[in-house]
């Protein structure tokens, strides 16, 4: 019979292993609201988001601090002011996510317009309005920026500036308050005297020929930027419901291009009909700036939409010929959003093909820690290849848990030998009961 002290040791080791394994196992499970026919979940705000209330007057706007996330609301026709303090050594990116509650309706030209201006109303950088582009109200995001180190760009001085978020579109009345999430990121400038990297040449945004097909890996997309599921090069399988957006994040290193294809299977529900923008595929950069947004109609038959990007390069911010090229200005996590029109009848199987092309290259000579500021892939040296980071991190987690398992079992065995020396010499008695 196994002694009580030994059973206690076993329970302790088992409990410790359960605690260590819990985060990994939980991350692999679908969300609790993923049951077929369940309600579409709301956008998940960042943990620890600080509630603020933007004001109609620039004199009273609340201060937004760098590296923090804030939550507020906005109504049709409203414009809100906030304050940010910029230094004279880094580029600033202040973003807003507009997150309508599931089931909300919108007009084609409803959306948000953000701006960053000096206290004497000089624009620090242009930022086009972002619209829903249809009747589907879904999370959308935009940022305004101040680029440092360019004398032709205003707002180079350190000091206070205004950040504004305005409702853009046809709705000028109403009492609906939709959540917004605000984030202020600061990218270090280049070291004094460092040469600005050159823009890449000779690239194509046309996706390469597909390789050998494989079984897609199961994934459960998140509700937004904060709980986006990490994916890598390969095929990924999910399910999406009418009116839902699924978010994923992909690591892209300097010099790499991202190719995406979202494919809907046929629907098995009755009453299928044509929806002009049934499937939408959007891509956002590390600072939550839109890179591209494409859509296609859906009749209930299999369909897909794809997009390809320019190589991620620091110089794209100066030399990008289009907004999409200019937005590929960072190394870091890029966010993929797949949305299904609410008029589609029933949940539809979704396959997301992710292709990361190109060899990771050396980044710019930052005068500071860009990775710590949020412009990195997670490794301390910022050199992680975009094709290996999530899987390698998972491998390290597995190795760590395995090591703890071996050490824990060894300690358990040693403890039992010390407490029961006679029993430890018995070859016939089992070490544990079944």
Protein backbone atom coordinates (compact mmCIF):
# COMPACT_ATOMS: atom_id res chain seq x y z
CA UNK A 1 0.00 0.00 0.00
CA UNK A 2 1.29 3.45 -0.80
CA UNK A 3 2.01 5.54 2.29
CA UNK A 4 0.17 8.78 3.01
CA UNK A 5 3.31 10.98 2.93
CA UNK A 6 4.17 9.69 -0.52
CA UNK A 7 0.65 10.36 -1.75
CA UNK A 8 0.93 13.94 -0.47
CA UNK A 9 4.14 14.46 -2.41
CA UNK A 10 2.50 13.11 -5.54
CA UNK A 11 -0.46 15.43 -5.10
CA UNK A 12 1.89 18.40 -4.64
CA UNK A 13 3.82 17.61 -7.81
CA UNK A 14 0.59 17.02 -9.73
CA UNK A 15 -0.88 20.29 -8.51
CA UNK A 16 2.27 22.19 -9.45
CA UNK A 17 2.24 20.66 -12.93
CA UNK A 18 -1.43 21.51 -13.38
CA UNK A 19 -0.70 25.15 -12.58
CA UNK A 20 2.21 25.22 -15.04
CA UNK A 21 0.24 23.53 -17.78
CA UNK A 22 -2.92 25.58 -17.32
CA UNK A 23 -1.97 28.65 -19.42
CA UNK A 24 -0.84 26.54 -22.39
CA UNK A 25 -3.84 24.22 -22.31
CA UNK A 26 -6.30 27.08 -21.86
CA UNK A 27 -4.81 28.96 -24.81
CA UNK A 28 -5.44 25.94 -27.03
CA UNK A 29 -9.14 25.68 -26.13
CA UNK A 30 -11.87 27.50 -28.07
CA UNK A 31 -13.51 30.52 -26.48
CA UNK A 32 -16.44 29.83 -24.20
CA UNK A 33 -18.81 31.53 -26.65
CA UNK A 34 -17.73 29.37 -29.62
CA UNK A 35 -20.68 27.00 -29.33
CA UNK A 36 -22.72 26.83 -32.57
CA UNK A 37 -25.49 29.38 -32.52
CA UNK A 38 -23.99 31.27 -29.59
CA UNK A 39 -24.13 35.03 -29.37
CA UNK A 40 -21.45 36.96 -31.23
CA UNK A 41 -19.02 38.25 -28.58
CA UNK A 42 -18.24 41.90 -28.06
CA UNK A 43 -14.80 43.39 -28.65
CA UNK A 44 -12.54 42.57 -25.71
CA UNK A 45 -10.86 45.65 -24.30
CA UNK A 46 -7.24 45.45 -23.15
CA UNK A 47 -6.75 44.21 -19.61
CA UNK A 48 -6.23 47.22 -17.39
CA UNK A 49 -7.59 49.73 -19.93
CA UNK A 50 -8.00 53.08 -18.16
CA UNK A 51 -11.45 54.71 -18.52
CA UNK A 52 -11.32 58.32 -19.73
CA UNK A 53 -13.81 60.80 -21.09
CA UNK A 54 -12.76 62.89 -24.05
CA UNK A 55 -14.15 66.41 -24.12
CA UNK A 56 -15.76 68.68 -26.68
CA UNK A 57 -13.37 71.45 -25.65
CA UNK A 58 -9.65 71.24 -26.36
CA UNK A 59 -9.02 73.05 -23.08
CA UNK A 60 -10.26 70.14 -20.96
CA UNK A 61 -9.12 67.01 -22.80
CA UNK A 62 -7.67 64.23 -20.58
CA UNK A 63 -3.99 63.31 -20.88
CA UNK A 64 -3.04 60.08 -22.65
CA UNK A 65 0.28 58.61 -21.55
CA UNK A 66 2.53 56.53 -23.75
CA UNK A 67 2.42 52.73 -23.48
CA UNK A 68 -1.02 52.82 -21.88
CA UNK A 69 -4.43 51.81 -23.23
CA UNK A 70 -7.61 53.79 -22.56
CA UNK A 71 -11.34 53.22 -23.06
CA UNK A 72 -14.07 55.73 -23.88
CA UNK A 73 -17.26 55.95 -25.95
CA UNK A 74 -18.34 58.06 -28.91
CA UNK A 75 -21.75 58.93 -30.37
CA UNK A 76 -22.82 59.85 -33.93
CA UNK A 77 -21.71 63.35 -34.85
CA UNK A 78 -19.40 63.67 -31.83
CA UNK A 79 -15.78 64.88 -31.75
CA UNK A 80 -13.57 64.34 -28.71
CA UNK A 81 -10.30 65.94 -27.61
CA UNK A 82 -7.43 64.37 -25.69
CA UNK A 83 -3.92 65.57 -24.89
CA UNK A 84 -0.63 63.79 -25.53
CA UNK A 85 2.87 64.90 -24.63
CA UNK A 86 5.46 64.31 -27.37
CA UNK A 87 9.23 64.35 -26.97
CA UNK A 88 11.67 65.46 -29.66
CA UNK A 89 13.43 62.12 -30.13
CA UNK A 90 10.77 59.56 -31.09
CA UNK A 91 7.92 59.06 -33.54
CA UNK A 92 4.44 58.96 -32.05
CA UNK A 93 1.47 56.81 -33.08
CA UNK A 94 -1.88 57.33 -31.37
CA UNK A 95 -4.64 54.93 -32.42
CA UNK A 96 -8.35 54.49 -31.88
CA UNK A 97 -10.41 51.33 -32.26
CA UNK A 98 -14.13 51.87 -32.81
CA UNK A 99 -15.89 48.73 -31.57
CA UNK A 100 -19.65 48.71 -32.25
CA UNK A 101 -21.69 46.25 -30.20
CA UNK A 102 -22.54 43.08 -32.18
CA UNK A 103 -25.64 43.56 -34.29
CA UNK A 104 -25.19 47.32 -34.73
CA UNK A 105 -26.07 48.78 -38.10
CA UNK A 106 -24.07 51.38 -39.99
CA UNK A 107 -24.10 53.35 -43.20
CA UNK A 108 -21.42 52.97 -45.86
CA UNK A 109 -19.72 56.23 -44.89
CA UNK A 110 -19.91 55.82 -41.15
CA UNK A 111 -16.55 55.53 -39.41
CA UNK A 112 -13.93 57.54 -37.54
CA UNK A 113 -11.46 60.29 -38.32
CA UNK A 114 -8.48 60.80 -36.01
CA UNK A 115 -5.91 63.58 -36.00
CA UNK A 116 -2.84 64.76 -34.13
CA UNK A 117 -2.36 68.52 -34.13
CA UNK A 118 -0.32 71.14 -32.34
CA UNK A 119 -1.96 73.51 -29.88
CA UNK A 120 -2.04 76.12 -32.66
CA UNK A 121 -3.84 73.64 -34.93
CA UNK A 122 -0.97 72.58 -37.21
CA UNK A 123 -1.43 69.03 -38.50
CA UNK A 124 1.35 66.69 -37.43
CA UNK A 125 0.55 64.09 -40.09
CA UNK A 126 -2.32 63.22 -42.40
CA UNK A 127 -4.58 60.29 -41.60
CA UNK A 128 -7.50 59.33 -43.84
CA UNK A 129 -10.85 58.53 -42.32
CA UNK A 130 -11.68 54.86 -41.90
CA UNK A 131 -15.19 53.81 -42.91
CA UNK A 132 -17.22 50.64 -42.49
CA UNK A 133 -17.81 50.58 -46.24
CA UNK A 134 -21.11 48.76 -45.88
CA UNK A 135 -23.93 47.95 -43.52
CA UNK A 136 -21.76 45.67 -41.38
CA UNK A 137 -20.70 47.46 -38.21
CA UNK A 138 -17.48 45.78 -37.10
CA UNK A 139 -14.35 46.85 -35.20
CA UNK A 140 -12.29 49.33 -37.24
CA UNK A 141 -9.13 51.22 -36.30
CA UNK A 142 -7.11 54.23 -37.37
CA UNK A 143 -4.05 56.09 -36.13
CA UNK A 144 -2.51 59.54 -36.36
CA UNK A 145 1.24 59.97 -36.22
CA UNK A 146 4.11 62.41 -35.77
CA UNK A 147 7.27 61.38 -37.64
CA UNK A 148 10.46 62.52 -35.97
CA UNK A 149 13.73 63.49 -37.68
CA UNK A 150 12.22 65.13 -40.77
CA UNK A 151 12.44 68.92 -40.86
CA UNK A 152 9.73 69.03 -43.53
CA UNK A 153 7.22 67.54 -41.10
CA UNK A 154 5.63 69.86 -38.46
CA UNK A 155 5.42 69.11 -34.75
CA UNK A 156 9.10 68.24 -34.21
CA UNK A 157 9.22 70.13 -30.92
CA UNK A 158 8.62 68.52 -27.54
CA UNK A 159 5.44 69.59 -25.80
CA UNK A 160 1.68 69.06 -25.51
CA UNK A 161 -0.42 68.22 -28.56
CA UNK A 162 -4.09 67.49 -29.20
CA UNK A 163 -5.37 64.11 -30.33
CA UNK A 164 -8.91 64.13 -31.68
CA UNK A 165 -11.39 61.38 -32.48
CA UNK A 166 -14.36 62.38 -34.62
CA UNK A 167 -17.34 60.45 -35.86
CA UNK A 168 -17.09 60.50 -39.63
CA UNK A 169 -20.08 59.72 -41.77
CA UNK A 170 -23.69 60.27 -42.50
CA UNK A 171 -25.09 59.92 -38.99
CA UNK A 172 -25.38 63.31 -37.35
CA UNK A 173 -27.80 62.42 -34.57
CA UNK A 174 -28.74 59.61 -32.28
CA UNK A 175 -27.88 58.63 -28.75
CA UNK A 176 -25.96 55.39 -29.30
CA UNK A 177 -22.61 55.28 -27.54
CA UNK A 178 -20.09 52.93 -29.12
CA UNK A 179 -16.94 51.88 -27.27
CA UNK A 180 -13.57 53.16 -28.42
CA UNK A 181 -10.09 52.07 -27.33
CA UNK A 182 -7.13 54.45 -27.47
CA UNK A 183 -3.43 53.60 -27.45
CA UNK A 184 -0.31 55.79 -27.54
CA UNK A 185 2.89 54.17 -28.86
CA UNK A 186 6.29 55.84 -29.14
CA UNK A 187 8.88 54.52 -31.61
CA UNK A 188 12.52 55.48 -30.93
CA UNK A 189 14.24 57.65 -33.51
CA UNK A 190 17.46 56.68 -35.25
CA UNK A 191 20.87 57.11 -33.67
CA UNK A 192 22.55 60.44 -34.45
CA UNK A 193 24.32 60.22 -37.78
CA UNK A 194 22.74 56.88 -38.71
CA UNK A 195 21.81 56.51 -42.36
CA UNK A 196 18.14 55.99 -43.12
CA UNK A 197 17.51 52.51 -44.56
CA UNK A 198 16.57 52.38 -48.23
CA UNK A 199 13.19 51.19 -49.45
CA UNK A 200 13.08 47.68 -50.94
CA UNK A 201 12.88 47.30 -54.72
CA UNK A 202 11.95 44.55 -57.15
CA UNK A 203 9.15 43.03 -55.06
CA UNK A 204 5.65 41.95 -56.09
CA UNK A 205 2.47 41.81 -54.04
CA UNK A 206 1.25 38.85 -56.08
CA UNK A 207 1.19 35.74 -53.93
CA UNK A 208 3.69 33.02 -54.84
CA UNK A 209 2.45 29.70 -56.20
CA UNK A 210 1.02 27.59 -53.37
CA UNK A 211 3.13 24.72 -52.15
CA UNK A 212 1.95 21.28 -51.15
CA UNK A 213 -1.32 21.41 -49.28
CA UNK A 214 -1.58 20.17 -45.73
CA UNK A 215 -4.21 19.71 -43.08
CA UNK A 216 -5.11 23.13 -41.63
CA UNK A 217 -4.39 23.62 -37.95
CA UNK A 218 -7.33 24.42 -35.70
CA UNK A 219 -7.41 27.94 -34.30
CA UNK A 220 -9.97 30.12 -32.53
CA UNK A 221 -9.70 33.76 -33.55
CA UNK A 222 -10.10 36.55 -31.02
CA UNK A 223 -12.57 39.43 -30.83
CA UNK A 224 -9.99 42.14 -31.52
CA UNK A 225 -6.39 43.26 -31.15
CA UNK A 226 -6.05 42.29 -27.50
CA UNK A 227 -7.00 38.61 -27.77
CA UNK A 228 -6.00 37.94 -31.38
CA UNK A 229 -4.85 34.35 -31.90
CA UNK A 230 -1.18 33.94 -32.88
CA UNK A 231 -0.75 32.18 -36.24
CA UNK A 232 2.23 31.58 -38.49
CA UNK A 233 3.10 30.41 -41.98
CA UNK A 234 0.56 27.74 -42.99
CA UNK A 235 -3.17 27.00 -43.17
CA UNK A 236 -5.52 27.59 -40.23
CA UNK A 237 -9.08 26.38 -39.70
CA UNK A 238 -11.77 28.28 -37.80
CA UNK A 239 -15.52 28.88 -37.86
CA UNK A 240 -17.18 32.26 -38.17
CA UNK A 241 -20.73 33.35 -37.45
CA UNK A 242 -22.93 35.97 -39.16
CA UNK A 243 -21.96 39.47 -38.02
CA UNK A 244 -18.73 38.25 -36.41
CA UNK A 245 -15.12 39.38 -36.83
CA UNK A 246 -12.26 37.03 -36.03
CA UNK A 247 -8.79 38.42 -35.27
CA UNK A 248 -5.38 36.79 -35.68
CA UNK A 249 -1.83 38.11 -35.32
CA UNK A 250 1.16 37.25 -37.50
CA UNK A 251 4.85 38.05 -36.82
CA UNK A 252 6.53 39.89 -39.71
CA UNK A 253 10.26 40.69 -39.59
CA UNK A 254 12.11 43.40 -41.48
CA UNK A 255 12.27 42.53 -45.19
CA UNK A 256 9.41 40.04 -45.11
CA UNK A 257 6.14 40.12 -47.03
CA UNK A 258 2.80 38.81 -45.81
CA UNK A 259 0.33 37.01 -48.07
CA UNK A 260 -3.16 36.16 -46.85
CA UNK A 261 -6.15 34.31 -48.22
CA UNK A 262 -9.42 33.90 -46.34
CA UNK A 263 -11.70 31.19 -47.73
CA UNK A 264 -15.30 30.48 -46.82
CA UNK A 265 -16.74 27.02 -47.35
CA UNK A 266 -20.28 26.52 -48.53
CA UNK A 267 -23.01 27.12 -46.02
CA UNK A 268 -25.25 24.22 -45.11
CA UNK A 269 -28.01 26.46 -43.78
CA UNK A 270 -31.25 27.01 -45.66
CA UNK A 271 -32.18 30.36 -47.11
CA UNK A 272 -28.79 31.39 -48.50
CA UNK A 273 -28.76 34.65 -50.42
CA UNK A 274 -26.23 36.96 -52.03
CA UNK A 275 -24.40 39.44 -49.79
CA UNK A 276 -22.28 42.02 -51.61
CA UNK A 277 -19.61 42.22 -48.91
CA UNK A 278 -20.21 38.83 -47.39
CA UNK A 279 -16.55 38.19 -46.63
CA UNK A 280 -14.10 40.90 -45.57
CA UNK A 281 -10.36 40.58 -45.03
CA UNK A 282 -8.49 43.45 -43.36
CA UNK A 283 -4.89 43.84 -42.22
CA UNK A 284 -3.54 46.27 -39.60
CA UNK A 285 0.06 47.02 -38.69
CA UNK A 286 1.79 46.93 -35.33
CA UNK A 287 0.48 50.37 -34.31
CA UNK A 288 -3.09 49.52 -35.42
CA UNK A 289 -2.89 51.40 -38.70
CA UNK A 290 -4.83 49.90 -41.59
CA UNK A 291 -2.71 48.29 -44.31
CA UNK A 292 -5.41 46.91 -46.60
CA UNK A 293 -9.09 45.97 -46.63
CA UNK A 294 -10.72 43.75 -49.27
CA UNK A 295 -14.11 42.12 -49.61
CA UNK A 296 -16.03 39.77 -51.86
CA UNK A 297 -19.62 38.68 -52.28
CA UNK A 298 -20.96 35.46 -50.80
CA UNK A 299 -23.83 33.37 -52.15
CA UNK A 300 -23.43 30.35 -49.92
CA UNK A 301 -20.99 28.71 -52.33
CA UNK A 302 -17.23 28.49 -51.55
CA UNK A 303 -15.41 31.78 -52.09
CA UNK A 304 -12.26 33.61 -50.99
CA UNK A 305 -10.39 36.88 -50.91
CA UNK A 306 -6.65 37.48 -50.72
CA UNK A 307 -4.09 40.23 -50.33
CA UNK A 308 -0.33 40.69 -50.38
CA UNK A 309 1.87 43.36 -48.84
CA UNK A 310 5.07 45.20 -49.54
CA UNK A 311 8.14 44.02 -47.60
CA UNK A 312 8.24 45.47 -44.08
CA UNK A 313 10.76 48.33 -44.27
CA UNK A 314 11.52 51.45 -42.25
CA UNK A 315 11.82 53.53 -45.43
CA UNK A 316 8.26 52.73 -46.51
CA UNK A 317 7.08 55.60 -44.30
CA UNK A 318 8.91 58.03 -46.60
CA UNK A 319 8.85 56.32 -49.99
CA UNK A 320 5.69 54.19 -50.05
CA UNK A 321 3.70 54.96 -53.19
CA UNK A 322 0.40 53.96 -51.58
CA UNK A 323 -1.09 54.00 -48.09
CA UNK A 324 -0.78 50.21 -48.02
CA UNK A 325 2.96 50.37 -48.74
CA UNK A 326 3.51 53.18 -46.26
CA UNK A 327 1.75 51.19 -43.54
CA UNK A 328 4.30 48.34 -43.85
CA UNK A 329 6.78 50.44 -41.88
CA UNK A 330 7.38 48.25 -38.82
CA UNK A 331 8.76 44.93 -37.78
CA UNK A 332 6.33 43.32 -35.37
CA UNK A 333 2.92 41.73 -35.05
CA UNK A 334 0.42 42.40 -37.82
CA UNK A 335 -3.28 41.88 -37.18
CA UNK A 336 -5.63 40.02 -39.53
CA UNK A 337 -9.38 40.61 -39.31
CA UNK A 338 -11.89 38.35 -41.06
CA UNK A 339 -15.54 39.45 -40.97
CA UNK A 340 -18.75 37.75 -42.08
CA UNK A 341 -21.82 39.72 -43.11
CA UNK A 342 -24.73 39.42 -40.62
CA UNK A 343 -27.13 38.54 -43.46
CA UNK A 344 -25.38 35.21 -44.04
CA UNK A 345 -27.53 32.39 -42.68
CA UNK A 346 -25.59 30.35 -40.18
CA UNK A 347 -22.01 29.68 -39.13
CA UNK A 348 -19.54 29.03 -41.96
CA UNK A 349 -16.22 27.11 -41.93
CA UNK A 350 -13.28 29.45 -42.51
CA UNK A 351 -9.76 28.68 -43.70
CA UNK A 352 -7.02 31.29 -43.37
CA UNK A 353 -3.88 30.73 -45.46
CA UNK A 354 -0.85 32.64 -44.18
CA UNK A 355 2.32 33.02 -46.21
CA UNK A 356 5.43 34.82 -44.95
CA UNK A 357 8.00 35.32 -47.70
CA UNK A 358 11.55 36.67 -47.54
CA UNK A 359 14.53 36.41 -45.25
CA UNK A 360 14.53 38.48 -42.08
CA UNK A 361 16.86 41.46 -42.45
CA UNK A 362 18.74 43.77 -40.14
CA UNK A 363 16.58 46.61 -38.89
CA UNK A 364 17.34 50.34 -38.57
CA UNK A 365 19.83 51.71 -36.04
CA UNK A 366 17.30 52.72 -33.39
CA UNK A 367 18.42 55.05 -30.63
CA UNK A 368 16.50 53.07 -28.03
CA UNK A 369 14.72 49.79 -27.43
CA UNK A 370 12.10 49.47 -30.15
CA UNK A 371 10.98 46.02 -28.99
CA UNK A 372 10.25 47.32 -25.49
CA UNK A 373 8.16 50.08 -27.08
CA UNK A 374 6.01 47.47 -28.84
CA UNK A 375 7.77 47.38 -32.22
CA UNK A 376 9.30 43.94 -32.05
CA UNK A 377 8.63 40.22 -32.23
CA UNK A 378 9.16 39.28 -28.61
CA UNK A 379 12.83 38.36 -28.41
CA UNK A 380 15.13 40.58 -26.40
CA UNK A 381 17.37 41.28 -29.40
CA UNK A 382 14.46 41.94 -31.73
CA UNK A 383 15.92 39.56 -34.30
CA UNK A 384 13.27 36.88 -34.21
CA UNK A 385 12.37 35.54 -37.62
CA UNK A 386 8.71 36.03 -38.46
CA UNK A 387 8.45 32.43 -39.62
CA UNK A 388 9.36 30.78 -36.37
CA UNK A 389 8.50 32.88 -33.31
CA UNK A 390 5.11 31.52 -32.16
CA UNK A 391 6.00 27.89 -32.75
CA UNK A 392 9.42 28.28 -31.17
CA UNK A 393 7.89 29.95 -28.12
CA UNK A 394 5.48 27.04 -27.84
CA UNK A 395 8.42 24.64 -28.08
CA UNK A 396 10.25 26.45 -25.29
CA UNK A 397 7.11 26.22 -23.16
CA UNK A 398 6.95 22.49 -23.77
CA UNK A 399 10.62 22.06 -22.90
CA UNK A 400 10.17 24.07 -19.71
CA UNK A 401 7.19 21.99 -18.60
CA UNK A 402 9.05 18.78 -19.42
CA UNK A 403 12.01 19.88 -17.37
CA UNK A 404 9.80 20.68 -14.39
CA UNK A 405 8.14 17.28 -14.76
CA UNK A 406 11.47 15.44 -14.65
CA UNK A 407 12.76 17.49 -11.73
CA UNK A 408 9.49 17.14 -9.83
CA UNK A 409 9.36 13.38 -10.24
CA UNK A 410 13.03 13.14 -9.21
CA UNK A 411 12.39 15.16 -6.06
CA UNK A 412 9.33 13.06 -5.29
CA UNK A 413 11.33 9.85 -5.67
CA UNK A 414 14.20 11.14 -3.49
CA UNK A 415 11.78 12.27 -0.79
CA UNK A 416 10.08 8.90 -0.69
CA UNK A 417 13.43 7.06 -0.42
CA UNK A 418 14.48 9.18 2.56
CA UNK A 419 11.18 8.72 4.39
CA UNK A 420 10.90 4.99 3.70
CA UNK A 421 14.41 3.50 3.29
CA UNK A 422 13.25 -0.11 3.77
CA UNK A 423 10.46 0.23 1.26
CA UNK A 424 12.76 1.81 -1.28
CA UNK A 425 14.80 -1.39 -1.44
CA UNK A 426 11.75 -3.51 -2.30
CA UNK A 427 11.71 -4.53 -5.97
CA UNK A 428 8.30 -6.13 -5.97
CA UNK A 429 6.15 -3.40 -4.46
CA UNK A 430 4.81 -0.80 -6.95
CA UNK A 431 5.88 2.82 -6.55
CA UNK A 432 2.27 3.94 -6.93
CA UNK A 433 -1.19 2.46 -6.87
CA UNK A 434 -3.38 2.31 -9.95
